[in-house]
Amino acid sequence: MEMRILLAEDEQDLNHIITQKLRADGYSVDSCLDGGEAIDILSYTDYDGIILDIMMPKADGYEVLRFLREAGKATPVLFLTAKDAISDRVKGLDSGANDYLVKPFSFEELSARLRAMMRASFGIASSVLSAADLVLDCASHTVKRGGLEISLSAKEYALLEYLMHNQGIVLSREKIEDHIWNFDYEGGTNVVDVYISYLRKKIDGGHEKKLIHTVRGRGYVLQEDRGK
């Protein structure tokens, strides 16, 4: 799922590589280099998924996870660590982590584990989402309508997937921006409206049945039977 991720990893080069790869996949990624900063960020920002290194300065991954769970947040967490003993894996999972990936790892596996972890948090068993004749495959990052493939940019894909995961739910501009764009984004204030317009042209253009709808004063919703 291309949504908002927090990455806390103290190896600067690895942090940068993971951040860039996830962003290239369409995720909105905020990153930090120590557990103390991760706790600060989590105190005022919600995420759809979190990747935590265990051995970090100021606060380790266990402390960050403890803070998160004590705050009552069930955000899925993946531990990323060089600690590969069975006892370490058991401790990580028993402390409330949802998954555990040992370094060195392939980015493809990290990405697949993120998708599976976040599907589970949304209660979704399949990687394929659909609405009317629109089909989105989270694993292959392909989108089709009426059997014809649609080419989307990374942000367009992320926005569509977020809308499809929340079918029938009206999402405010603020909520969409919080999930799709990371907190250091400095674009225009109408960025959500602009990308909704891009999506409408590609998803609804030429189709009698419109799927993306504006709810005046509230935001946007993806719904196949609106107006009936």
Protein backbone atom coordinates (compact mmCIF):
# COMPACT_ATOMS: atom_id res chain seq x y z
CA MET A 1 0.00 0.00 0.00
CA GLU A 2 1.32 3.37 -0.99
CA MET A 3 0.58 5.39 2.11
CA ARG A 4 2.42 7.29 4.80
CA ILE A 5 5.47 5.60 6.33
CA LEU A 6 7.87 6.56 9.12
CA LEU A 7 11.39 5.13 8.79
CA ALA A 8 13.70 5.24 11.82
CA GLU A 9 17.14 3.90 10.84
CA ASP A 10 20.45 5.23 12.19
CA GLU A 11 22.62 4.10 9.26
CA GLN A 12 22.46 7.28 7.20
CA ASP A 13 23.23 5.72 3.80
CA LEU A 14 20.77 2.88 4.30
CA ASN A 15 18.16 5.35 5.58
CA HIS A 16 18.57 7.43 2.42
CA ILE A 17 18.41 4.42 0.08
CA ILE A 18 15.27 2.98 1.69
CA THR A 19 13.60 6.40 1.73
CA GLN A 20 14.32 7.00 -1.95
CA LYS A 21 13.17 3.53 -3.01
CA LEU A 22 9.93 3.78 -1.04
CA ARG A 23 9.22 7.23 -2.42
CA ALA A 24 9.87 5.94 -5.93
CA ASP A 25 7.19 3.33 -5.21
CA GLY A 26 4.77 6.14 -4.32
CA TYR A 27 4.93 5.99 -0.54
CA SER A 28 4.97 9.20 1.45
CA VAL A 29 8.02 8.74 3.68
CA ASP A 30 9.27 10.67 6.71
CA SER A 31 12.63 9.51 8.04
CA CYS A 32 14.81 10.05 11.10
CA LEU A 33 18.13 8.75 12.41
CA ASP A 34 17.43 8.01 16.08
CA GLY A 35 14.72 6.70 18.37
CA GLY A 36 14.32 9.94 20.27
CA GLU A 37 13.32 11.81 17.14
CA ALA A 38 11.01 8.95 16.15
CA ILE A 39 9.18 9.30 19.47
CA ASP A 40 8.90 13.06 18.98
CA ILE A 41 7.45 12.61 15.48
CA LEU A 42 5.01 9.91 16.62
CA SER A 43 3.74 12.15 19.38
CA TYR A 44 2.08 14.44 16.83
CA THR A 45 1.86 12.50 13.55
CA ASP A 46 -0.04 9.34 12.61
CA TYR A 47 1.26 6.85 10.06
CA ASP A 48 -0.08 3.87 8.13
CA GLY A 49 3.10 1.89 8.76
CA ILE A 50 6.40 2.23 10.62
CA ILE A 51 9.84 0.71 9.92
CA LEU A 52 12.05 0.67 13.03
CA ASP A 53 15.69 -0.26 13.39
CA ILE A 54 16.19 -1.87 16.82
CA MET A 55 19.67 -0.60 17.69
CA MET A 56 19.44 3.22 17.54
CA PRO A 57 20.84 6.06 19.66
CA LYS A 58 18.71 7.98 22.22
CA ALA A 59 15.97 5.30 22.22
CA ASP A 60 16.06 1.83 20.70
CA GLY A 61 13.33 0.31 18.58
CA TYR A 62 11.76 -1.44 21.57
CA GLU A 63 11.38 1.88 23.41
CA VAL A 64 9.84 3.54 20.35
CA LEU A 65 7.39 0.65 19.95
CA ARG A 66 6.55 0.76 23.66
CA PHE A 67 5.78 4.49 23.40
CA LEU A 68 3.55 3.84 20.39
CA ARG A 69 1.56 1.04 22.00
CA GLU A 70 1.22 2.85 25.34
CA ALA A 71 -0.22 5.78 23.40
CA GLY A 72 -2.93 3.40 22.23
CA LYS A 73 -1.82 3.35 18.59
CA ALA A 74 -2.11 0.07 16.69
CA THR A 75 -0.05 1.25 13.70
CA PRO A 76 1.68 -1.77 12.10
CA VAL A 77 5.42 -1.89 12.82
CA LEU A 78 8.18 -3.74 11.00
CA PHE A 79 11.49 -4.19 12.84
CA LEU A 80 14.53 -3.88 10.57
CA THR A 81 17.66 -5.13 12.30
CA ALA A 82 20.95 -7.00 12.18
CA LYS A 83 19.94 -9.01 15.27
CA ASP A 84 19.12 -12.39 13.74
CA ALA A 85 18.94 -14.77 16.70
CA ILE A 86 15.62 -16.58 17.19
CA SER A 87 15.38 -15.06 20.68
CA ASP A 88 15.67 -11.56 19.16
CA ARG A 89 12.90 -12.28 16.68
CA VAL A 90 10.66 -13.64 19.42
CA LYS A 91 11.33 -10.61 21.61
CA GLY A 92 10.55 -8.25 18.73
CA LEU A 93 7.25 -9.92 17.87
CA ASP A 94 6.23 -10.37 21.51
CA SER A 95 6.88 -6.68 22.15
CA GLY A 96 4.14 -5.78 19.68
CA ALA A 97 5.87 -5.64 16.29
CA ASN A 98 3.93 -6.97 13.31
CA ASP A 99 6.92 -8.23 11.34
CA TYR A 100 10.69 -8.60 11.56
CA LEU A 101 13.24 -8.36 8.72
CA VAL A 102 16.93 -9.15 9.19
CA LYS A 103 19.74 -7.22 7.48
CA PRO A 104 21.01 -7.64 4.84
CA PHE A 105 17.73 -7.81 2.96
CA SER A 106 16.37 -7.22 -0.52
CA PHE A 107 14.25 -4.15 -1.07
CA GLU A 108 11.72 -6.31 -2.92
CA GLU A 109 11.18 -8.37 0.25
CA LEU A 110 10.88 -5.24 2.39
CA SER A 111 8.29 -3.82 0.00
CA ALA A 112 6.32 -7.09 -0.08
CA ARG A 113 6.34 -7.36 3.72
CA LEU A 114 5.13 -3.77 4.02
CA ARG A 115 2.26 -4.45 1.63
CA ALA A 116 1.25 -7.63 3.47
CA MET A 117 1.53 -5.98 6.89
CA MET A 118 -0.58 -3.01 5.89
CA ARG A 119 -3.18 -5.13 4.08
CA ALA A 120 -3.64 -7.03 7.32
CA SER A 121 -4.06 -3.78 9.26
CA PHE A 122 -6.84 -2.77 6.86
CA GLY A 123 -8.44 -6.22 7.08
CA ILE A 124 -7.80 -6.87 3.38
CA ALA A 125 -6.87 -10.38 2.28
CA SER A 126 -6.14 -9.71 -1.38
CA SER A 127 -3.65 -7.39 -3.06
CA VAL A 128 -6.26 -6.63 -5.75
CA LEU A 129 -8.74 -3.79 -5.17
CA SER A 130 -11.74 -3.11 -7.38
CA ALA A 131 -14.62 -0.70 -7.86
CA ALA A 132 -17.04 -1.29 -10.73
CA ASP A 133 -14.74 -2.08 -13.70
CA LEU A 134 -11.70 -0.39 -12.12
CA VAL A 135 -9.06 -2.83 -10.86
CA LEU A 136 -5.86 -1.95 -8.97
CA ASP A 137 -3.21 -4.59 -8.23
CA CYS A 138 -1.08 -3.51 -5.27
CA ALA A 139 1.58 -6.14 -5.96
CA SER A 140 2.22 -5.29 -9.61
CA HIS A 141 1.26 -1.60 -9.32
CA THR A 142 -1.04 -1.90 -12.33
CA VAL A 143 -4.37 -0.17 -12.82
CA LYS A 144 -7.00 -1.18 -15.37
CA ARG A 145 -10.47 0.06 -16.20
CA GLY A 146 -12.65 -1.94 -18.51
CA GLY A 147 -9.69 -4.24 -19.07
CA LEU A 148 -7.48 -1.43 -20.41
CA GLU A 149 -4.32 -0.53 -18.52
CA ILE A 150 -3.98 3.05 -17.25
CA SER A 151 -0.57 4.67 -16.77
CA LEU A 152 -0.29 6.63 -13.51
CA SER A 153 2.53 8.57 -11.88
CA ALA A 154 3.67 7.39 -8.44
CA LYS A 155 1.60 10.06 -6.65
CA GLU A 156 -1.46 9.45 -8.81
CA TYR A 157 -1.21 5.74 -8.01
CA ALA A 158 -0.78 6.45 -4.29
CA LEU A 159 -3.82 8.73 -4.27
CA LEU A 160 -5.99 6.24 -6.17
CA GLU A 161 -4.98 3.38 -3.89
CA TYR A 162 -5.77 5.45 -0.80
CA LEU A 163 -9.20 6.32 -2.22
CA MET A 164 -9.87 2.68 -3.11
CA HIS A 165 -8.90 1.46 0.35
CA ASN A 166 -11.47 3.90 1.71
CA GLN A 167 -14.31 3.31 -0.76
CA GLY A 168 -17.49 5.05 0.30
CA ILE A 169 -15.67 7.15 2.91
CA VAL A 170 -15.40 10.89 2.34
CA LEU A 171 -11.77 11.95 2.78
CA SER A 172 -10.94 15.57 3.52
CA ARG A 173 -8.20 17.37 1.59
CA GLU A 174 -6.19 17.57 4.80
CA LYS A 175 -6.42 13.84 5.45
CA ILE A 176 -5.42 12.99 1.90
CA GLU A 177 -2.46 15.38 2.00
CA ASP A 178 -1.32 13.99 5.36
CA HIS A 179 -1.28 10.45 3.99
CA ILE A 180 0.15 11.02 0.53
CA TRP A 181 2.70 13.77 1.04
CA ASN A 182 5.48 13.75 3.66
CA PHE A 183 5.75 16.61 6.17
CA ASP A 184 8.58 18.45 4.39
CA TYR A 185 6.51 18.87 1.23
CA GLU A 186 6.55 22.51 0.08
CA GLY A 187 4.16 22.40 -2.86
CA GLY A 188 1.04 24.44 -3.45
CA THR A 189 -1.92 24.40 -1.10
CA ASN A 190 -4.18 23.01 -3.84
CA VAL A 191 -2.00 19.95 -4.52
CA VAL A 192 -4.81 17.52 -3.64
CA ASP A 193 -7.27 19.21 -6.01
CA VAL A 194 -4.67 19.16 -8.78
CA TYR A 195 -4.00 15.43 -8.40
CA ILE A 196 -7.70 14.60 -8.11
CA SER A 197 -8.13 16.41 -11.42
CA TYR A 198 -5.31 14.34 -12.98
CA LEU A 199 -6.90 11.12 -11.70
CA ARG A 200 -10.36 12.01 -12.92
CA LYS A 201 -9.08 12.52 -16.46
CA LYS A 202 -7.37 9.12 -16.45
CA ILE A 203 -9.89 7.07 -14.44
CA ASP A 204 -13.25 8.61 -15.31
CA GLY A 205 -12.50 10.26 -18.66
CA GLY A 206 -14.58 8.67 -21.40
CA HIS A 207 -16.64 6.59 -18.96
CA GLU A 208 -20.33 7.21 -18.30
CA LYS A 209 -20.07 5.86 -14.75
CA LYS A 210 -17.95 8.26 -12.69
CA LEU A 211 -16.11 6.84 -9.67
CA ILE A 212 -14.36 9.85 -8.11
CA HIS A 213 -16.77 12.35 -6.58
CA THR A 214 -16.50 15.72 -4.84
CA VAL A 215 -18.49 16.17 -1.63
CA ARG A 216 -18.85 19.91 -1.31
CA GLY A 217 -17.26 21.31 1.82
CA ARG A 218 -15.99 17.90 2.92
CA GLY A 219 -13.59 16.41 0.39
CA TYR A 220 -13.55 13.50 -2.04
CA VAL A 221 -14.87 9.95 -2.19
CA LEU A 222 -14.40 7.00 -4.53
CA GLN A 223 -17.76 5.30 -4.84
CA GLU A 224 -19.37 3.45 -7.72
CA ASP A 225 -23.02 4.09 -6.89
CA ARG A 226 -23.00 7.69 -5.64
CA GLY A 227 -26.03 9.70 -6.65
CA LYS A 228 -28.42 6.73 -6.86
